[in-house]
Amino acid sequence: MKKLPLLSLSLAFSLIAQPRTAFEAVSIKVHPEPIYVSNSETSGTIARWTAGTIRDLIVEGWNLKYYQLPEVAGSIGSMHYDITA
């Protein structure tokens, strides 16, 4: 009889000690040409960028102005992506 409460107590502690499972997902796709508009929006815990460049994401993520981030040759400012996170 004494083993049952001890067993219940150990089971309760083992359930509390279990790590919580989490699921995070990000979708990154190249935006098809032609590009008419680029925008971003957030709603709760979801963020969406449409036709954004890596430069756009850096500017928004670090709260910069475009003149603070120099132009760099390559895909940082030329490739456009649709991102949902």
PDB file of N, CA and C in Angstrom:
ATOM      1  N   MET A   1       0.801  -1.204   0.000  1.00  0.00           N
ATOM      2  CA  MET A   1       0.000   0.000   0.000  1.00  0.00           C
ATOM      3  C   MET A   1       0.844   1.269   0.000  1.00  0.00           C
ATOM      4  N   LYS A   2       1.991   1.225   0.688  1.00  0.00           N
ATOM      5  CA  LYS A   2       2.834   2.408   0.756  1.00  0.00           C
ATOM      6  C   LYS A   2       3.516   2.691  -0.582  1.00  0.00           C
ATOM      7  N   LYS A   3       3.622   1.686  -1.422  1.00  0.00           N
ATOM      8  CA  LYS A   3       4.308   1.868  -2.700  1.00  0.00           C
ATOM      9  C   LYS A   3       3.454   2.639  -3.704  1.00  0.00           C
ATOM     10  N   LEU A   4       2.144   2.541  -3.581  1.00  0.00           N
ATOM     11  CA  LEU A   4       1.261   3.215  -4.532  1.00  0.00           C
ATOM     12  C   LEU A   4       1.387   4.734  -4.469  1.00  0.00           C
ATOM     13  N   PRO A   5       1.348   5.400  -3.290  1.00  0.00           N
ATOM     14  CA  PRO A   5       1.537   6.856  -3.277  1.00  0.00           C
ATOM     15  C   PRO A   5       2.935   7.267  -3.749  1.00  0.00           C
ATOM     16  N   LEU A   6       3.933   6.465  -3.405  1.00  0.00           N
ATOM     17  CA  LEU A   6       5.288   6.774  -3.840  1.00  0.00           C
ATOM     18  C   LEU A   6       5.410   6.660  -5.346  1.00  0.00           C
ATOM     19  N   LEU A   7       4.773   5.645  -5.921  1.00  0.00           N
ATOM     20  CA  LEU A   7       4.768   5.467  -7.363  1.00  0.00           C
ATOM     21  C   LEU A   7       4.034   6.613  -8.048  1.00  0.00           C
ATOM     22  N   SER A   8       2.907   7.024  -7.503  1.00  0.00           N
ATOM     23  CA  SER A   8       2.141   8.138  -8.059  1.00  0.00           C
ATOM     24  C   SER A   8       2.939   9.439  -8.002  1.00  0.00           C
ATOM     25  N   LEU A   9       3.621   9.638  -6.882  1.00  0.00           N
ATOM     26  CA  LEU A   9       4.421  10.845  -6.724  1.00  0.00           C
ATOM     27  C   LEU A   9       5.595  10.865  -7.700  1.00  0.00           C
ATOM     28  N   SER A  10       6.259   9.742  -7.883  1.00  0.00           N
ATOM     29  CA  SER A  10       7.383   9.696  -8.816  1.00  0.00           C
ATOM     30  C   SER A  10       6.907   9.866 -10.255  1.00  0.00           C
ATOM     31  N   LEU A  11       5.742   9.330 -10.581  1.00  0.00           N
ATOM     32  CA  LEU A  11       5.172   9.508 -11.912  1.00  0.00           C
ATOM     33  C   LEU A  11       4.822  10.974 -12.165  1.00  0.00           C
ATOM     34  N   ALA A  12       4.264  11.647 -11.172  1.00  0.00           N
ATOM     35  CA  ALA A  12       3.917  13.058 -11.303  1.00  0.00           C
ATOM     36  C   ALA A  12       5.163  13.904 -11.531  1.00  0.00           C
ATOM     37  N   PHE A  13       6.223  13.639 -10.796  1.00  0.00           N
ATOM     38  CA  PHE A  13       7.465  14.397 -10.987  1.00  0.00           C
ATOM     39  C   PHE A  13       8.097  14.120 -12.344  1.00  0.00           C
ATOM     40  N   SER A  14       8.003  12.897 -12.817  1.00  0.00           N
ATOM     41  CA  SER A  14       8.586  12.583 -14.120  1.00  0.00           C
ATOM     42  C   SER A  14       7.812  13.271 -15.245  1.00  0.00           C
ATOM     43  N   LEU A  15       6.495  13.427 -15.088  1.00  0.00           N
ATOM     44  CA  LEU A  15       5.706  14.133 -16.100  1.00  0.00           C
ATOM     45  C   LEU A  15       6.006  15.627 -16.095  1.00  0.00           C
ATOM     46  N   ILE A  16       6.241  16.181 -14.917  1.00  0.00           N
ATOM     47  CA  ILE A  16       6.572  17.599 -14.823  1.00  0.00           C
ATOM     48  C   ILE A  16       7.940  17.865 -15.433  1.00  0.00           C
ATOM     49  N   ALA A  17       8.861  16.942 -15.278  1.00  0.00           N
ATOM     50  CA  ALA A  17      10.228  17.126 -15.746  1.00  0.00           C
ATOM     51  C   ALA A  17      10.362  16.940 -17.258  1.00  0.00           C
ATOM     52  N   GLN A  18       9.354  16.405 -17.924  1.00  0.00           N
ATOM     53  CA  GLN A  18       9.424  16.196 -19.363  1.00  0.00           C
ATOM     54  C   GLN A  18       9.467  17.532 -20.094  1.00  0.00           C
ATOM     55  N   PRO A  19      10.330  17.666 -21.089  1.00  0.00           N
ATOM     56  CA  PRO A  19      10.355  18.926 -21.853  1.00  0.00           C
ATOM     57  C   PRO A  19       9.081  19.068 -22.679  1.00  0.00           C
ATOM     58  N   ARG A  20       8.642  20.285 -22.803  1.00  0.00           N
ATOM     59  CA  ARG A  20       7.439  20.543 -23.613  1.00  0.00           C
ATOM     60  C   ARG A  20       7.815  20.471 -25.083  1.00  0.00           C
ATOM     61  N   THR A  21       6.927  19.907 -25.849  1.00  0.00           N
ATOM     62  CA  THR A  21       7.184  19.841 -27.278  1.00  0.00           C
ATOM     63  C   THR A  21       6.745  21.140 -27.922  1.00  0.00           C
ATOM     64  N   ALA A  22       7.491  21.571 -28.905  1.00  0.00           N
ATOM     65  CA  ALA A  22       7.170  22.803 -29.621  1.00  0.00           C
ATOM     66  C   ALA A  22       7.325  22.551 -31.108  1.00  0.00           C
ATOM     67  N   PHE A  23       6.603  23.289 -31.884  1.00  0.00           N
ATOM     68  CA  PHE A  23       6.679  23.165 -33.326  1.00  0.00           C
ATOM     69  C   PHE A  23       6.828  24.556 -33.920  1.00  0.00           C
ATOM     70  N   GLU A  24       7.916  24.747 -34.644  1.00  0.00           N
ATOM     71  CA  GLU A  24       8.142  26.012 -35.316  1.00  0.00           C
ATOM     72  C   GLU A  24       8.355  25.721 -36.795  1.00  0.00           C
ATOM     73  N   ALA A  25       7.833  26.568 -37.627  1.00  0.00           N
ATOM     74  CA  ALA A  25       7.979  26.352 -39.062  1.00  0.00           C
ATOM     75  C   ALA A  25       8.208  27.680 -39.764  1.00  0.00           C
ATOM     76  N   VAL A  26       9.004  27.625 -40.794  1.00  0.00           N
ATOM     77  CA  VAL A  26       9.276  28.793 -41.621  1.00  0.00           C
ATOM     78  C   VAL A  26       9.161  28.360 -43.070  1.00  0.00           C
ATOM     79  N   SER A  27       8.521  29.170 -43.878  1.00  0.00           N
ATOM     80  CA  SER A  27       8.422  28.914 -45.306  1.00  0.00           C
ATOM     81  C   SER A  27       9.147  30.033 -46.044  1.00  0.00           C
ATOM     82  N   ILE A  28      10.147  29.662 -46.860  1.00  0.00           N
ATOM     83  CA  ILE A  28      10.901  30.637 -47.654  1.00  0.00           C
ATOM     84  C   ILE A  28      10.849  30.177 -49.104  1.00  0.00           C
ATOM     85  N   LYS A  29      10.296  31.030 -49.953  1.00  0.00           N
ATOM     86  CA  LYS A  29      10.180  30.716 -51.382  1.00  0.00           C
ATOM     87  C   LYS A  29      10.625  31.913 -52.200  1.00  0.00           C
ATOM     88  N   VAL A  30      11.244  31.650 -53.341  1.00  0.00           N
ATOM     89  CA  VAL A  30      11.616  32.735 -54.251  1.00  0.00           C
ATOM     90  C   VAL A  30      10.337  33.310 -54.844  1.00  0.00           C
ATOM     91  N   HIS A  31      10.235  34.643 -54.818  1.00  0.00           N
ATOM     92  CA  HIS A  31       9.038  35.304 -55.346  1.00  0.00           C
ATOM     93  C   HIS A  31       9.101  35.313 -56.870  1.00  0.00           C
ATOM     94  N   PRO A  32       8.002  34.943 -57.534  1.00  0.00           N
ATOM     95  CA  PRO A  32       8.003  34.928 -59.004  1.00  0.00           C
ATOM     96  C   PRO A  32       8.035  36.340 -59.586  1.00  0.00           C
ATOM     97  N   GLU A  33       8.627  36.449 -60.745  1.00  0.00           N
ATOM     98  CA  GLU A  33       8.662  37.725 -61.475  1.00  0.00           C
ATOM     99  C   GLU A  33       7.324  37.920 -62.163  1.00  0.00           C
ATOM    100  N   PRO A  34       6.883  39.067 -62.504  1.00  0.00           N
ATOM    101  CA  PRO A  34       7.408  40.381 -62.144  1.00  0.00           C
ATOM    102  C   PRO A  34       6.980  40.762 -60.726  1.00  0.00           C
ATOM    103  N   ILE A  35       7.696  41.681 -60.148  1.00  0.00           N
ATOM    104  CA  ILE A  35       7.423  42.133 -58.791  1.00  0.00           C
ATOM    105  C   ILE A  35       6.731  43.483 -58.859  1.00  0.00           C
ATOM    106  N   TYR A  36       5.525  43.541 -58.333  1.00  0.00           N
ATOM    107  CA  TYR A  36       4.746  44.773 -58.354  1.00  0.00           C
ATOM    108  C   TYR A  36       4.849  45.535 -57.040  1.00  0.00           C
ATOM    109  N   VAL A  37       4.874  44.800 -55.917  1.00  0.00           N
ATOM    110  CA  VAL A  37       4.897  45.446 -54.610  1.00  0.00           C
ATOM    111  C   VAL A  37       5.606  44.515 -53.620  1.00  0.00           C
ATOM    112  N   SER A  38       6.263  45.111 -52.646  1.00  0.00           N
ATOM    113  CA  SER A  38       6.903  44.370 -51.568  1.00  0.00           C
ATOM    114  C   SER A  38       6.321  44.883 -50.262  1.00  0.00           C
ATOM    115  N   ASN A  39       5.882  43.969 -49.401  1.00  0.00           N
ATOM    116  CA  ASN A  39       5.331  44.414 -48.116  1.00  0.00           C
ATOM    117  C   ASN A  39       5.595  43.393 -47.030  1.00  0.00           C
ATOM    118  N   SER A  40       5.364  43.820 -45.801  1.00  0.00           N
ATOM    119  CA  SER A  40       5.496  42.917 -44.658  1.00  0.00           C
ATOM    120  C   SER A  40       4.348  43.184 -43.700  1.00  0.00           C
ATOM    121  N   GLU A  41       3.988  42.147 -42.957  1.00  0.00           N
ATOM    122  CA  GLU A  41       2.924  42.281 -41.963  1.00  0.00           C
ATOM    123  C   GLU A  41       3.166  41.281 -40.848  1.00  0.00           C
ATOM    124  N   THR A  42       2.733  41.632 -39.668  1.00  0.00           N
ATOM    125  CA  THR A  42       2.786  40.721 -38.537  1.00  0.00           C
ATOM    126  C   THR A  42       1.410  40.663 -37.899  1.00  0.00           C
ATOM    127  N   SER A  43       1.059  39.482 -37.437  1.00  0.00           N
ATOM    128  CA  SER A  43      -0.216  39.275 -36.772  1.00  0.00           C
ATOM    129  C   SER A  43       0.008  38.264 -35.656  1.00  0.00           C
ATOM    130  N   GLY A  44       0.039  38.747 -34.429  1.00  0.00           N
ATOM    131  CA  GLY A  44       0.304  37.853 -33.304  1.00  0.00           C
ATOM    132  C   GLY A  44       1.713  37.306 -33.378  1.00  0.00           C
ATOM    133  N   THR A  45       1.839  35.998 -33.531  1.00  0.00           N
ATOM    134  CA  THR A  45       3.154  35.374 -33.608  1.00  0.00           C
ATOM    135  C   THR A  45       3.559  35.020 -35.028  1.00  0.00           C
ATOM    136  N   ILE A  46       2.801  35.470 -36.014  1.00  0.00           N
ATOM    137  CA  ILE A  46       3.100  35.165 -37.415  1.00  0.00           C
ATOM    138  C   ILE A  46       3.600  36.423 -38.115  1.00  0.00           C
ATOM    139  N   ALA A  47       4.695  36.261 -38.862  1.00  0.00           N
ATOM    140  CA  ALA A  47       5.233  37.362 -39.666  1.00  0.00           C
ATOM    141  C   ALA A  47       5.270  36.918 -41.122  1.00  0.00           C
ATOM    142  N   ARG A  48       4.880  37.821 -42.026  1.00  0.00           N
ATOM    143  CA  ARG A  48       4.884  37.520 -43.462  1.00  0.00           C
ATOM    144  C   ARG A  48       5.573  38.643 -44.230  1.00  0.00           C
ATOM    145  N   TRP A  49       6.470  38.247 -45.110  1.00  0.00           N
ATOM    146  CA  TRP A  49       7.098  39.204 -46.029  1.00  0.00           C
ATOM    147  C   TRP A  49       6.801  38.729 -47.433  1.00  0.00           C
ATOM    148  N   THR A  50       6.348  39.624 -48.279  1.00  0.00           N
ATOM    149  CA  THR A  50       6.053  39.303 -49.664  1.00  0.00           C
ATOM    150  C   THR A  50       7.007  40.084 -50.546  1.00  0.00           C
ATOM    151  N   ALA A  51       7.734  39.373 -51.395  1.00  0.00           N
ATOM    152  CA  ALA A  51       8.699  39.955 -52.333  1.00  0.00           C
ATOM    153  C   ALA A  51       9.762  40.786 -51.614  1.00  0.00           C
ATOM    154  N   GLY A  52      10.180  40.338 -50.460  1.00  0.00           N
ATOM    155  CA  GLY A  52      11.207  41.046 -49.698  1.00  0.00           C
ATOM    156  C   GLY A  52      12.600  40.550 -50.055  1.00  0.00           C
ATOM    157  N   THR A  53      13.565  41.439 -49.994  1.00  0.00           N
ATOM    158  CA  THR A  53      14.953  41.059 -50.215  1.00  0.00           C
ATOM    159  C   THR A  53      15.624  40.824 -48.862  1.00  0.00           C
ATOM    160  N   ILE A  54      16.804  40.251 -48.890  1.00  0.00           N
ATOM    161  CA  ILE A  54      17.553  40.068 -47.651  1.00  0.00           C
ATOM    162  C   ILE A  54      17.846  41.428 -47.040  1.00  0.00           C
ATOM    163  N   ARG A  55      18.118  42.406 -47.880  1.00  0.00           N
ATOM    164  CA  ARG A  55      18.366  43.775 -47.396  1.00  0.00           C
ATOM    165  C   ARG A  55      17.136  44.328 -46.671  1.00  0.00           C
ATOM    166  N   ASP A  56      15.940  44.087 -47.227  1.00  0.00           N
ATOM    167  CA  ASP A  56      14.699  44.514 -46.571  1.00  0.00           C
ATOM    168  C   ASP A  56      14.559  43.887 -45.184  1.00  0.00           C
ATOM    169  N   LEU A  57      14.866  42.590 -45.081  1.00  0.00           N
ATOM    170  CA  LEU A  57      14.740  41.892 -43.809  1.00  0.00           C
ATOM    171  C   LEU A  57      15.735  42.416 -42.776  1.00  0.00           C
ATOM    172  N   ILE A  58      16.967  42.712 -43.215  1.00  0.00           N
ATOM    173  CA  ILE A  58      17.967  43.255 -42.296  1.00  0.00           C
ATOM    174  C   ILE A  58      17.531  44.631 -41.806  1.00  0.00           C
ATOM    175  N   VAL A  59      17.071  45.469 -42.720  1.00  0.00           N
ATOM    176  CA  VAL A  59      16.622  46.815 -42.345  1.00  0.00           C
ATOM    177  C   VAL A  59      15.474  46.742 -41.346  1.00  0.00           C
ATOM    178  N   GLU A  60      14.508  45.885 -41.606  1.00  0.00           N
ATOM    179  CA  GLU A  60      13.361  45.786 -40.704  1.00  0.00           C
ATOM    180  C   GLU A  60      13.726  45.090 -39.395  1.00  0.00           C
ATOM    181  N   GLY A  61      14.521  44.035 -39.463  1.00  0.00           N
ATOM    182  CA  GLY A  61      14.868  43.269 -38.275  1.00  0.00           C
ATOM    183  C   GLY A  61      15.695  44.047 -37.258  1.00  0.00           C
ATOM    184  N   TRP A  62      16.575  44.919 -37.748  1.00  0.00           N
ATOM    185  CA  TRP A  62      17.425  45.701 -36.851  1.00  0.00           C
ATOM    186  C   TRP A  62      16.974  47.153 -36.740  1.00  0.00           C
ATOM    187  N   ASN A  63      15.782  47.438 -37.263  1.00  0.00           N
ATOM    188  CA  ASN A  63      15.196  48.776 -37.165  1.00  0.00           C
ATOM    189  C   ASN A  63      16.154  49.840 -37.708  1.00  0.00           C
ATOM    190  N   LEU A  64      16.674  49.580 -38.902  1.00  0.00           N
ATOM    191  CA  LEU A  64      17.589  50.505 -39.559  1.00  0.00           C
ATOM    192  C   LEU A  64      16.857  51.315 -40.609  1.00  0.00           C
ATOM    193  N   LYS A  65      17.525  52.300 -41.140  1.00  0.00           N
ATOM    194  CA  LYS A  65      17.083  53.022 -42.325  1.00  0.00           C
ATOM    195  C   LYS A  65      17.898  52.491 -43.501  1.00  0.00           C
ATOM    196  N   TYR A  66      17.362  52.575 -44.695  1.00  0.00           N
ATOM    197  CA  TYR A  66      18.061  52.020 -45.849  1.00  0.00           C
ATOM    198  C   TYR A  66      19.418  52.689 -46.084  1.00  0.00           C
ATOM    199  N   TYR A  67      19.563  53.954 -45.754  1.00  0.00           N
ATOM    200  CA  TYR A  67      20.848  54.614 -45.959  1.00  0.00           C
ATOM    201  C   TYR A  67      21.907  54.115 -44.973  1.00  0.00           C
ATOM    202  N   GLN A  68      21.492  53.455 -43.882  1.00  0.00           N
ATOM    203  CA  GLN A  68      22.437  52.919 -42.909  1.00  0.00           C
ATOM    204  C   GLN A  68      23.041  51.589 -43.346  1.00  0.00           C
ATOM    205  N   LEU A  69      22.442  50.946 -44.325  1.00  0.00           N
ATOM    206  CA  LEU A  69      22.935  49.667 -44.832  1.00  0.00           C
ATOM    207  C   LEU A  69      23.435  49.880 -46.251  1.00  0.00           C
ATOM    208  N   PRO A  70      24.743  49.792 -46.459  1.00  0.00           N
ATOM    209  CA  PRO A  70      25.277  50.085 -47.795  1.00  0.00           C
ATOM    210  C   PRO A  70      24.800  49.078 -48.836  1.00  0.00           C
ATOM    211  N   GLU A  71      24.735  49.545 -50.067  1.00  0.00           N
ATOM    212  CA  GLU A  71      24.392  48.666 -51.182  1.00  0.00           C
ATOM    213  C   GLU A  71      25.502  47.639 -51.362  1.00  0.00           C
ATOM    214  N   VAL A  72      25.124  46.393 -51.543  1.00  0.00           N
ATOM    215  CA  VAL A  72      26.096  45.327 -51.746  1.00  0.00           C
ATOM    216  C   VAL A  72      25.726  44.609 -53.029  1.00  0.00           C
ATOM    217  N   ALA A  73      26.724  44.365 -53.854  1.00  0.00           N
ATOM    218  CA  ALA A  73      26.468  43.636 -55.093  1.00  0.00           C
ATOM    219  C   ALA A  73      26.122  42.187 -54.763  1.00  0.00           C
ATOM    220  N   GLY A  74      25.284  41.612 -55.554  1.00  0.00           N
ATOM    221  CA  GLY A  74      24.906  40.219 -55.333  1.00  0.00           C
ATOM    222  C   GLY A  74      23.445  40.083 -54.993  1.00  0.00           C
ATOM    223  N   SER A  75      23.106  38.965 -54.383  1.00  0.00           N
ATOM    224  CA  SER A  75      21.696  38.642 -54.168  1.00  0.00           C
ATOM    225  C   SER A  75      21.088  39.299 -52.939  1.00  0.00           C
ATOM    226  N   ILE A  76      21.852  40.046 -52.149  1.00  0.00           N
ATOM    227  CA  ILE A  76      21.289  40.646 -50.936  1.00  0.00           C
ATOM    228  C   ILE A  76      20.183  41.651 -51.258  1.00  0.00           C
ATOM    229  N   GLY A  77      20.258  42.273 -52.415  1.00  0.00           N
ATOM    230  CA  GLY A  77      19.240  43.248 -52.769  1.00  0.00           C
ATOM    231  C   GLY A  77      18.508  42.952 -54.053  1.00  0.00           C
ATOM    232  N   SER A  78      18.867  41.857 -54.729  1.00  0.00           N
ATOM    233  CA  SER A  78      18.244  41.601 -56.024  1.00  0.00           C
ATOM    234  C   SER A  78      17.261  40.428 -56.010  1.00  0.00           C
ATOM    235  N   MET A  79      17.506  39.413 -55.196  1.00  0.00           N
ATOM    236  CA  MET A  79      16.589  38.281 -55.120  1.00  0.00           C
ATOM    237  C   MET A  79      15.451  38.626 -54.170  1.00  0.00           C
ATOM    238  N   HIS A  80      14.228  38.310 -54.578  1.00  0.00           N
ATOM    239  CA  HIS A  80      13.049  38.599 -53.765  1.00  0.00           C
ATOM    240  C   HIS A  80      12.448  37.285 -53.272  1.00  0.00           C
ATOM    241  N   TYR A  81      12.014  37.292 -51.991  1.00  0.00           N
ATOM    242  CA  TYR A  81      11.509  36.083 -51.358  1.00  0.00           C
ATOM    243  C   TYR A  81      10.153  36.339 -50.718  1.00  0.00           C
ATOM    244  N   ASP A  82       9.358  35.284 -50.631  1.00  0.00           N
ATOM    245  CA  ASP A  82       8.130  35.281 -49.832  1.00  0.00           C
ATOM    246  C   ASP A  82       8.436  34.443 -48.600  1.00  0.00           C
ATOM    247  N   ILE A  83       8.283  35.047 -47.416  1.00  0.00           N
ATOM    248  CA  ILE A  83       8.656  34.371 -46.174  1.00  0.00           C
ATOM    249  C   ILE A  83       7.481  34.425 -45.205  1.00  0.00           C
ATOM    250  N   THR A  84       7.168  33.287 -44.620  1.00  0.00           N
ATOM    251  CA  THR A  84       6.180  33.206 -43.551  1.00  0.00           C
ATOM    252  C   THR A  84       6.844  32.515 -42.373  1.00  0.00           C
ATOM    253  N   ALA A  85       6.808  33.178 -41.230  1.00  0.00           N
ATOM    254  CA  ALA A  85       7.446  32.607 -40.030  1.00  0.00           C
ATOM    255  C   ALA A  85       6.552  32.828 -38.829  1.00  0.00           C
TER     256      ALA A  85
END
